[in-house]
Amino acid sequence: MKKLLFLCLPLALLYACGEKAHKTELIFDKTADGLHITSAKDTFNAFKSQYYVSAMIKNDTKEVSSTFLVTAKYVDGAGDIVAESTAGAGRAIAPGDSLLIENTYSFSSNKDVPYKVKLSVKDILK
């Protein structure tokens, strides 16, 4: 029994001292006209040290949109923007259609993942 305790105690300490994840708040404008974001989700792949933010973009205009960018601004606990990424260049959305766009950024560990991510979509020619 003592051997089992001595085996389990170091593992419990390592688990208790591990990196703690915090919840990330995804912020985007919830308008329902033009080119807009309808939903967003995020994941962190610890093996690749990659943080993924996926945004569903909907085109409520009457024309094909092919010059848009989805921007993700990563905000730390102090409220400072620590990183920024863009995606969507070269993609097109027909009127009434939706498209899933994924932004990726490399953070070294789960504790470095931002506290907030501000998402926006913009047609760069308008």
N, C-alpha and C. Protein backbone atom coordinates (compact mmCIF):
# COMPACT_ATOMS: atom_id res chain seq x y z
N MET A 1 0.82 -1.19 0.00
CA MET A 1 0.00 0.00 0.00
C MET A 1 0.87 1.26 0.00
N LYS A 2 1.96 1.25 0.78
CA LYS A 2 2.84 2.41 0.83
C LYS A 2 3.51 2.64 -0.53
N LYS A 3 3.87 1.54 -1.21
CA LYS A 3 4.49 1.68 -2.53
C LYS A 3 3.53 2.34 -3.50
N LEU A 4 2.29 1.96 -3.44
CA LEU A 4 1.27 2.55 -4.32
C LEU A 4 1.12 4.04 -4.02
N LEU A 5 1.15 4.40 -2.76
CA LEU A 5 1.05 5.79 -2.37
C LEU A 5 2.24 6.60 -2.89
N PHE A 6 3.44 6.05 -2.77
CA PHE A 6 4.63 6.75 -3.25
C PHE A 6 4.66 6.85 -4.78
N LEU A 7 4.01 5.95 -5.47
CA LEU A 7 3.91 6.04 -6.92
C LEU A 7 2.88 7.08 -7.35
N CYS A 8 1.78 7.13 -6.65
CA CYS A 8 0.68 8.02 -7.03
C CYS A 8 0.91 9.47 -6.60
N LEU A 9 1.60 9.68 -5.50
CA LEU A 9 1.79 11.04 -4.99
C LEU A 9 2.55 11.94 -5.96
N PRO A 10 3.68 11.51 -6.54
CA PRO A 10 4.36 12.39 -7.52
C PRO A 10 3.50 12.69 -8.75
N LEU A 11 2.73 11.73 -9.21
CA LEU A 11 1.85 11.97 -10.35
C LEU A 11 0.78 12.99 -10.01
N ALA A 12 0.24 12.90 -8.81
CA ALA A 12 -0.78 13.86 -8.38
C ALA A 12 -0.19 15.26 -8.28
N LEU A 13 1.02 15.38 -7.79
CA LEU A 13 1.67 16.69 -7.70
C LEU A 13 1.95 17.27 -9.09
N LEU A 14 2.41 16.44 -9.98
CA LEU A 14 2.66 16.91 -11.35
C LEU A 14 1.37 17.37 -12.01
N TYR A 15 0.31 16.64 -11.79
CA TYR A 15 -0.98 17.01 -12.37
C TYR A 15 -1.48 18.33 -11.77
N ALA A 16 -1.32 18.50 -10.47
CA ALA A 16 -1.79 19.71 -9.79
C ALA A 16 -0.98 20.94 -10.19
N CYS A 17 0.28 20.77 -10.53
CA CYS A 17 1.14 21.90 -10.88
C CYS A 17 1.16 22.18 -12.38
N GLY A 18 0.38 21.46 -13.15
CA GLY A 18 0.37 21.63 -14.60
C GLY A 18 -0.24 22.96 -15.01
N GLU A 19 -0.15 23.27 -16.30
CA GLU A 19 -0.68 24.51 -16.83
C GLU A 19 -2.19 24.50 -16.76
N LYS A 20 -2.74 25.60 -16.32
CA LYS A 20 -4.19 25.74 -16.22
C LYS A 20 -4.70 26.47 -17.45
N ALA A 21 -5.73 25.93 -18.05
CA ALA A 21 -6.35 26.58 -19.19
C ALA A 21 -7.37 27.60 -18.69
N HIS A 22 -7.54 28.66 -19.45
CA HIS A 22 -8.56 29.64 -19.13
C HIS A 22 -9.52 29.71 -20.31
N LYS A 23 -10.71 30.18 -20.05
CA LYS A 23 -11.71 30.28 -21.09
C LYS A 23 -11.42 31.51 -21.95
N THR A 24 -11.53 31.34 -23.24
CA THR A 24 -11.32 32.44 -24.18
C THR A 24 -12.68 32.95 -24.65
N GLU A 25 -12.87 34.25 -24.60
CA GLU A 25 -14.11 34.87 -25.05
C GLU A 25 -13.97 35.26 -26.52
N LEU A 26 -14.88 34.80 -27.35
CA LEU A 26 -14.88 35.15 -28.78
C LEU A 26 -15.86 36.30 -28.98
N ILE A 27 -15.38 37.41 -29.51
CA ILE A 27 -16.19 38.61 -29.67
C ILE A 27 -16.32 38.90 -31.16
N PHE A 28 -17.56 39.06 -31.64
CA PHE A 28 -17.78 39.47 -33.02
C PHE A 28 -19.09 40.24 -33.11
N ASP A 29 -19.20 41.08 -34.14
CA ASP A 29 -20.39 41.90 -34.36
C ASP A 29 -21.53 40.99 -34.80
N LYS A 30 -22.65 41.08 -34.14
CA LYS A 30 -23.76 40.17 -34.43
C LYS A 30 -24.81 40.81 -35.35
N THR A 31 -24.36 41.62 -36.30
CA THR A 31 -25.29 42.20 -37.27
C THR A 31 -25.77 41.11 -38.22
N ALA A 32 -26.89 41.34 -38.87
CA ALA A 32 -27.46 40.33 -39.76
C ALA A 32 -27.65 40.85 -41.17
N ASP A 33 -26.81 41.77 -41.60
CA ASP A 33 -26.92 42.27 -42.97
C ASP A 33 -25.53 42.38 -43.59
N GLY A 34 -25.49 42.30 -44.91
CA GLY A 34 -24.21 42.37 -45.61
C GLY A 34 -23.37 41.12 -45.37
N LEU A 35 -22.08 41.29 -45.35
CA LEU A 35 -21.13 40.21 -45.08
C LEU A 35 -20.89 40.19 -43.58
N HIS A 36 -21.27 39.10 -42.89
CA HIS A 36 -21.19 39.09 -41.43
C HIS A 36 -20.86 37.70 -40.89
N ILE A 37 -20.43 37.69 -39.63
CA ILE A 37 -20.09 36.45 -38.92
C ILE A 37 -21.34 35.95 -38.19
N THR A 38 -21.69 34.69 -38.42
CA THR A 38 -22.87 34.13 -37.75
C THR A 38 -22.51 33.30 -36.53
N SER A 39 -21.32 32.69 -36.51
CA SER A 39 -20.89 31.90 -35.35
C SER A 39 -19.37 31.76 -35.37
N ALA A 40 -18.82 31.41 -34.21
CA ALA A 40 -17.37 31.25 -34.09
C ALA A 40 -17.06 30.20 -33.03
N LYS A 41 -15.93 29.51 -33.20
CA LYS A 41 -15.47 28.56 -32.19
C LYS A 41 -13.94 28.54 -32.23
N ASP A 42 -13.35 28.06 -31.12
CA ASP A 42 -11.89 28.02 -31.05
C ASP A 42 -11.42 26.70 -30.47
N THR A 43 -10.20 26.32 -30.83
CA THR A 43 -9.55 25.12 -30.28
C THR A 43 -8.05 25.38 -30.20
N PHE A 44 -7.41 24.69 -29.26
CA PHE A 44 -5.96 24.77 -29.13
C PHE A 44 -5.40 23.37 -29.27
N ASN A 45 -4.48 23.19 -30.21
CA ASN A 45 -3.81 21.91 -30.41
C ASN A 45 -2.46 22.00 -29.70
N ALA A 46 -2.36 21.38 -28.52
CA ALA A 46 -1.14 21.47 -27.72
C ALA A 46 0.03 20.78 -28.40
N PHE A 47 -0.23 19.73 -29.16
CA PHE A 47 0.84 19.00 -29.83
C PHE A 47 1.53 19.88 -30.88
N LYS A 48 0.74 20.64 -31.65
CA LYS A 48 1.29 21.51 -32.69
C LYS A 48 1.52 22.93 -32.20
N SER A 49 1.08 23.26 -30.98
CA SER A 49 1.14 24.62 -30.43
C SER A 49 0.41 25.60 -31.34
N GLN A 50 -0.72 25.17 -31.86
CA GLN A 50 -1.51 26.00 -32.77
C GLN A 50 -2.88 26.31 -32.14
N TYR A 51 -3.30 27.56 -32.27
CA TYR A 51 -4.60 28.00 -31.79
C TYR A 51 -5.45 28.32 -33.02
N TYR A 52 -6.60 27.68 -33.12
CA TYR A 52 -7.48 27.82 -34.29
C TYR A 52 -8.76 28.55 -33.90
N VAL A 53 -9.14 29.53 -34.70
CA VAL A 53 -10.41 30.22 -34.52
C VAL A 53 -11.17 30.10 -35.84
N SER A 54 -12.32 29.44 -35.80
CA SER A 54 -13.14 29.24 -36.99
C SER A 54 -14.34 30.18 -36.93
N ALA A 55 -14.62 30.84 -38.04
CA ALA A 55 -15.76 31.75 -38.12
C ALA A 55 -16.61 31.40 -39.33
N MET A 56 -17.91 31.31 -39.13
CA MET A 56 -18.85 31.08 -40.22
C MET A 56 -19.29 32.45 -40.75
N ILE A 57 -18.98 32.68 -42.03
CA ILE A 57 -19.28 33.96 -42.68
C ILE A 57 -20.48 33.78 -43.60
N LYS A 58 -21.42 34.71 -43.53
CA LYS A 58 -22.60 34.66 -44.40
C LYS A 58 -22.64 35.91 -45.26
N ASN A 59 -23.01 35.72 -46.53
CA ASN A 59 -23.12 36.82 -47.48
C ASN A 59 -24.59 37.12 -47.72
N ASP A 60 -25.09 38.22 -47.16
CA ASP A 60 -26.48 38.62 -47.37
C ASP A 60 -26.60 39.73 -48.41
N THR A 61 -25.54 39.95 -49.18
CA THR A 61 -25.62 40.95 -50.25
C THR A 61 -26.20 40.30 -51.50
N LYS A 62 -26.35 41.07 -52.56
CA LYS A 62 -26.90 40.55 -53.81
C LYS A 62 -25.83 40.22 -54.84
N GLU A 63 -24.55 40.27 -54.42
CA GLU A 63 -23.46 39.99 -55.35
C GLU A 63 -22.42 39.08 -54.70
N VAL A 64 -21.64 38.42 -55.54
CA VAL A 64 -20.58 37.54 -55.05
C VAL A 64 -19.51 38.38 -54.38
N SER A 65 -19.07 37.94 -53.21
CA SER A 65 -18.01 38.64 -52.49
C SER A 65 -16.74 37.79 -52.56
N SER A 66 -15.71 38.35 -53.19
CA SER A 66 -14.45 37.60 -53.31
C SER A 66 -13.25 38.40 -52.81
N THR A 67 -13.49 39.55 -52.22
CA THR A 67 -12.39 40.39 -51.74
C THR A 67 -12.57 40.69 -50.25
N PHE A 68 -12.79 39.66 -49.46
CA PHE A 68 -13.01 39.87 -48.03
C PHE A 68 -11.88 39.22 -47.22
N LEU A 69 -11.70 39.73 -46.03
CA LEU A 69 -10.73 39.17 -45.09
C LEU A 69 -11.40 39.03 -43.72
N VAL A 70 -11.12 37.93 -43.04
CA VAL A 70 -11.55 37.74 -41.66
C VAL A 70 -10.33 37.98 -40.79
N THR A 71 -10.43 38.94 -39.89
CA THR A 71 -9.32 39.31 -39.01
C THR A 71 -9.61 38.86 -37.59
N ALA A 72 -8.61 38.25 -36.97
CA ALA A 72 -8.70 37.85 -35.56
C ALA A 72 -7.62 38.61 -34.80
N LYS A 73 -8.04 39.37 -33.79
CA LYS A 73 -7.10 40.08 -32.92
C LYS A 73 -7.11 39.37 -31.57
N TYR A 74 -5.94 38.94 -31.14
CA TYR A 74 -5.78 38.15 -29.92
C TYR A 74 -5.41 39.09 -28.76
N VAL A 75 -6.23 39.08 -27.70
CA VAL A 75 -6.08 40.01 -26.59
C VAL A 75 -5.71 39.24 -25.32
N ASP A 76 -4.68 39.74 -24.61
CA ASP A 76 -4.26 39.07 -23.37
C ASP A 76 -5.10 39.53 -22.18
N GLY A 77 -4.75 39.07 -21.00
CA GLY A 77 -5.50 39.38 -19.79
C GLY A 77 -5.48 40.86 -19.42
N ALA A 78 -4.45 41.59 -19.84
CA ALA A 78 -4.34 43.02 -19.54
C ALA A 78 -5.12 43.88 -20.54
N GLY A 79 -5.65 43.28 -21.60
CA GLY A 79 -6.40 44.02 -22.61
C GLY A 79 -5.57 44.48 -23.79
N ASP A 80 -4.33 44.04 -23.87
CA ASP A 80 -3.45 44.42 -24.99
C ASP A 80 -3.56 43.41 -26.12
N ILE A 81 -3.52 43.91 -27.34
CA ILE A 81 -3.52 43.03 -28.51
C ILE A 81 -2.11 42.46 -28.64
N VAL A 82 -1.99 41.14 -28.53
CA VAL A 82 -0.67 40.49 -28.57
C VAL A 82 -0.36 39.89 -29.94
N ALA A 83 -1.39 39.66 -30.74
CA ALA A 83 -1.17 39.07 -32.06
C ALA A 83 -2.39 39.36 -32.93
N GLU A 84 -2.21 39.15 -34.24
CA GLU A 84 -3.30 39.35 -35.19
C GLU A 84 -3.08 38.40 -36.36
N SER A 85 -4.16 37.84 -36.88
CA SER A 85 -4.06 36.99 -38.06
C SER A 85 -5.25 37.27 -38.97
N THR A 86 -5.05 37.04 -40.27
CA THR A 86 -6.11 37.22 -41.25
C THR A 86 -6.22 35.97 -42.11
N ALA A 87 -7.42 35.74 -42.62
CA ALA A 87 -7.66 34.60 -43.50
C ALA A 87 -8.83 34.95 -44.43
N GLY A 88 -8.96 34.18 -45.49
CA GLY A 88 -10.08 34.36 -46.40
C GLY A 88 -9.70 34.90 -47.76
N ALA A 89 -8.48 35.34 -47.94
CA ALA A 89 -8.06 35.90 -49.23
C ALA A 89 -8.17 34.83 -50.31
N GLY A 90 -8.75 35.21 -51.45
CA GLY A 90 -8.88 34.28 -52.57
C GLY A 90 -10.12 33.41 -52.51
N ARG A 91 -10.91 33.52 -51.47
CA ARG A 91 -12.14 32.74 -51.36
C ARG A 91 -13.32 33.60 -51.82
N ALA A 92 -14.37 32.97 -52.28
CA ALA A 92 -15.55 33.68 -52.76
C ALA A 92 -16.80 33.11 -52.11
N ILE A 93 -17.76 34.01 -51.83
CA ILE A 93 -19.05 33.60 -51.26
C ILE A 93 -20.14 34.14 -52.17
N ALA A 94 -20.98 33.24 -52.65
CA ALA A 94 -22.12 33.64 -53.48
C ALA A 94 -23.20 34.27 -52.60
N PRO A 95 -24.11 35.05 -53.19
CA PRO A 95 -25.19 35.66 -52.40
C PRO A 95 -26.02 34.60 -51.68
N GLY A 96 -26.24 34.80 -50.39
CA GLY A 96 -27.04 33.88 -49.58
C GLY A 96 -26.26 32.69 -49.03
N ASP A 97 -25.04 32.49 -49.45
CA ASP A 97 -24.24 31.34 -49.00
C ASP A 97 -23.42 31.68 -47.75
N SER A 98 -22.92 30.61 -47.11
CA SER A 98 -22.04 30.74 -45.95
C SER A 98 -20.74 30.01 -46.23
N LEU A 99 -19.69 30.40 -45.53
CA LEU A 99 -18.38 29.81 -45.72
C LEU A 99 -17.65 29.79 -44.38
N LEU A 100 -16.99 28.67 -44.07
CA LEU A 100 -16.22 28.55 -42.84
C LEU A 100 -14.78 28.97 -43.10
N ILE A 101 -14.31 29.98 -42.36
CA ILE A 101 -12.95 30.50 -42.50
C ILE A 101 -12.22 30.25 -41.18
N GLU A 102 -10.98 29.76 -41.28
CA GLU A 102 -10.21 29.43 -40.09
C GLU A 102 -8.94 30.27 -40.00
N ASN A 103 -8.80 30.99 -38.89
CA ASN A 103 -7.58 31.73 -38.58
C ASN A 103 -6.73 30.86 -37.67
N THR A 104 -5.43 30.90 -37.86
CA THR A 104 -4.50 30.10 -37.06
C THR A 104 -3.37 30.99 -36.55
N TYR A 105 -2.98 30.75 -35.31
CA TYR A 105 -1.83 31.45 -34.74
C TYR A 105 -1.10 30.49 -33.82
N SER A 106 0.19 30.64 -33.74
CA SER A 106 1.01 29.74 -32.92
C SER A 106 1.26 30.35 -31.54
N PHE A 107 0.78 29.67 -30.50
CA PHE A 107 1.07 30.04 -29.12
C PHE A 107 1.85 28.89 -28.51
N SER A 108 2.86 29.20 -27.71
CA SER A 108 3.77 28.16 -27.22
C SER A 108 3.12 27.17 -26.26
N SER A 109 2.14 27.61 -25.50
CA SER A 109 1.49 26.69 -24.56
C SER A 109 0.05 27.13 -24.32
N ASN A 110 -0.69 26.30 -23.63
CA ASN A 110 -2.09 26.57 -23.35
C ASN A 110 -2.27 27.81 -22.48
N LYS A 111 -1.30 28.10 -21.62
CA LYS A 111 -1.42 29.28 -20.76
C LYS A 111 -1.20 30.58 -21.54
N ASP A 112 -0.62 30.52 -22.73
CA ASP A 112 -0.40 31.70 -23.56
C ASP A 112 -1.58 32.02 -24.48
N VAL A 113 -2.57 31.15 -24.51
CA VAL A 113 -3.75 31.37 -25.35
C VAL A 113 -4.44 32.65 -24.87
N PRO A 114 -4.95 33.48 -25.78
CA PRO A 114 -5.52 34.76 -25.38
C PRO A 114 -6.79 34.63 -24.53
N TYR A 115 -7.10 35.70 -23.81
CA TYR A 115 -8.32 35.74 -23.01
C TYR A 115 -9.52 36.15 -23.86
N LYS A 116 -9.25 36.95 -24.90
CA LYS A 116 -10.31 37.38 -25.82
C LYS A 116 -9.79 37.33 -27.24
N VAL A 117 -10.68 37.03 -28.17
CA VAL A 117 -10.38 37.10 -29.59
C VAL A 117 -11.46 37.95 -30.23
N LYS A 118 -11.06 39.06 -30.87
CA LYS A 118 -12.00 39.94 -31.55
C LYS A 118 -11.98 39.61 -33.03
N LEU A 119 -13.11 39.13 -33.53
CA LEU A 119 -13.23 38.73 -34.93
C LEU A 119 -13.99 39.80 -35.72
N SER A 120 -13.54 40.03 -36.94
CA SER A 120 -14.24 40.95 -37.83
C SER A 120 -14.07 40.48 -39.26
N VAL A 121 -15.07 40.80 -40.08
CA VAL A 121 -14.99 40.49 -41.51
C VAL A 121 -15.20 41.80 -42.27
N LYS A 122 -14.39 41.98 -43.32
CA LYS A 122 -14.45 43.22 -44.07
C LYS A 122 -14.16 42.95 -45.53
N ASP A 123 -14.95 43.56 -46.39
CA ASP A 123 -14.68 43.53 -47.83
C ASP A 123 -13.64 44.62 -48.10
N ILE A 124 -12.47 44.24 -48.58
CA ILE A 124 -11.37 45.21 -48.69
C ILE A 124 -11.55 46.23 -49.82
N LEU A 125 -12.51 46.01 -50.72
CA LEU A 125 -12.74 46.96 -51.79
C LEU A 125 -13.90 47.92 -51.49
N LYS A 126 -14.56 47.74 -50.38
CA LYS A 126 -15.70 48.61 -50.05
C LYS A 126 -15.41 49.47 -48.86
